[in-house]
Amino acid sequence: IAYGVAKTGPVITSAGIIMAVAFSGLLLSSIPMLNQVAFLLVSAVLIDTFFIRSVVTPALHAPLGGANWWPRRVPAPRADGADGAEASSSSALPVLGTRLVSSQ
């Protein structure tokens, strides 16, 4: 988790700052509704950038452990371009809410 935050942190922070600066341009408008929307957008982006993605997300990933990566195996893409939803794959784990039905 620490490695992932360290590797993606600068990119996420840069993107968040760029978005906040872009949205803050709306604050210069003479239309009050645009000012309100701009303030909310800038606030939301900065909170997401500096608090949610750097503190909350890693804090949730740590106790969840292996559940973060469910399902563990994703079915391989098929050559004919179909998504394979109707075909069952023995290497894939079942999706929640579905039953395994024997073809016999």
Protein backbone atom coordinates (compact mmCIF):
# COMPACT_ATOMS: atom_id res chain seq x y z
CA ILE A 1 0.00 0.00 0.00
CA ALA A 2 2.81 2.39 0.90
CA TYR A 3 4.61 1.58 -2.36
CA GLY A 4 1.46 2.29 -4.38
CA VAL A 5 0.84 5.60 -2.63
CA ALA A 6 4.49 6.59 -3.10
CA LYS A 7 4.47 5.75 -6.81
CA THR A 8 1.09 7.33 -7.68
CA GLY A 9 1.09 10.20 -5.17
CA PRO A 10 2.87 12.80 -7.30
CA VAL A 11 0.68 12.11 -10.33
CA ILE A 12 -2.55 12.24 -8.33
CA THR A 13 -1.47 15.38 -6.49
CA SER A 14 -0.44 17.12 -9.71
CA ALA A 15 -3.71 16.21 -11.42
CA GLY A 16 -5.73 17.42 -8.44
CA ILE A 17 -3.91 20.75 -8.31
CA ILE A 18 -4.33 21.25 -12.07
CA MET A 19 -8.05 20.52 -11.80
CA ALA A 20 -8.43 22.88 -8.82
CA VAL A 21 -6.66 25.69 -10.70
CA ALA A 22 -8.81 25.09 -13.78
CA PHE A 23 -12.04 25.12 -11.76
CA SER A 24 -10.95 28.20 -9.83
CA GLY A 25 -11.17 30.14 -13.08
CA LEU A 26 -14.93 29.99 -12.66
CA LEU A 27 -14.56 31.97 -9.43
CA LEU A 28 -13.78 35.05 -11.53
CA SER A 29 -17.22 34.94 -13.13
CA SER A 30 -19.78 37.62 -12.37
CA ILE A 31 -22.53 34.97 -12.18
CA PRO A 32 -23.10 33.97 -8.54
CA MET A 33 -24.19 30.42 -9.38
CA LEU A 34 -20.92 29.77 -11.25
CA ASN A 35 -19.01 31.09 -8.23
CA GLN A 36 -20.81 28.64 -5.97
CA VAL A 37 -20.26 25.71 -8.31
CA ALA A 38 -16.60 26.64 -8.71
CA PHE A 39 -16.11 26.82 -4.95
CA LEU A 40 -17.71 23.39 -4.49
CA LEU A 41 -15.65 21.87 -7.32
CA VAL A 42 -12.37 23.29 -6.06
CA SER A 43 -13.13 22.19 -2.50
CA ALA A 44 -14.17 18.69 -3.57
CA VAL A 45 -11.09 18.19 -5.76
CA LEU A 46 -8.69 19.37 -3.07
CA ILE A 47 -10.34 17.23 -0.38
CA ASP A 48 -10.24 14.22 -2.70
CA THR A 49 -6.63 14.85 -3.68
CA PHE A 50 -5.11 15.48 -0.25
CA PHE A 51 -7.39 13.58 2.13
CA ILE A 52 -9.37 10.82 0.43
CA ARG A 53 -6.68 9.45 -1.90
CA SER A 54 -3.76 9.86 0.47
CA VAL A 55 -5.31 8.97 3.85
CA VAL A 56 -8.73 7.32 3.63
CA THR A 57 -8.12 4.92 0.74
CA PRO A 58 -4.90 3.42 2.17
CA ALA A 59 -6.53 3.24 5.60
CA LEU A 60 -9.36 1.16 4.12
CA HIS A 61 -7.05 -1.04 2.04
CA ALA A 62 -4.87 -2.07 4.98
CA PRO A 63 -7.50 -3.92 7.06
CA LEU A 64 -9.30 -5.39 4.04
CA GLY A 65 -6.20 -7.27 2.88
CA GLY A 66 -7.01 -9.80 0.16
CA ALA A 67 -10.61 -8.58 -0.18
CA ASN A 68 -9.30 -5.55 -2.07
CA TRP A 69 -8.55 -7.73 -5.07
CA TRP A 70 -11.79 -9.70 -5.37
CA PRO A 71 -12.32 -11.53 -7.71
CA ARG A 72 -8.87 -13.02 -7.67
CA ARG A 73 -8.99 -14.32 -11.20
CA VAL A 74 -10.67 -12.56 -14.08
CA PRO A 75 -11.74 -14.68 -17.07
CA ALA A 76 -9.43 -14.36 -20.05
CA PRO A 77 -10.83 -12.40 -23.00
CA ARG A 78 -12.23 -14.54 -25.79
CA ALA A 79 -10.93 -14.40 -29.35
CA ASP A 80 -14.41 -13.86 -30.84
CA GLY A 81 -14.86 -10.61 -28.90
CA ALA A 82 -17.75 -11.88 -26.75
CA ASP A 83 -17.61 -11.00 -23.07
CA GLY A 84 -18.10 -14.61 -22.02
CA ALA A 85 -20.91 -13.86 -19.58
CA GLU A 86 -22.97 -16.81 -20.79
CA ALA A 87 -20.07 -19.25 -20.79
CA SER A 88 -18.68 -20.57 -17.55
CA SER A 89 -14.98 -20.72 -16.94
CA SER A 90 -13.59 -23.13 -14.39
CA SER A 91 -10.67 -20.79 -13.66
CA ALA A 92 -12.87 -17.85 -12.67
CA LEU A 93 -14.50 -17.36 -9.31
CA PRO A 94 -18.28 -16.97 -9.27
CA VAL A 95 -19.77 -13.50 -9.08
CA LEU A 96 -21.89 -12.59 -6.06
CA GLY A 97 -25.55 -13.32 -6.58
CA THR A 98 -25.00 -16.11 -9.11
CA ARG A 99 -25.20 -19.87 -8.74
CA LEU A 100 -22.89 -22.48 -10.14
CA VAL A 101 -24.97 -24.75 -12.35
CA SER A 102 -23.63 -28.06 -13.52
CA SER A 103 -23.89 -28.68 -17.26
CA GLN A 104 -24.71 -32.38 -16.69
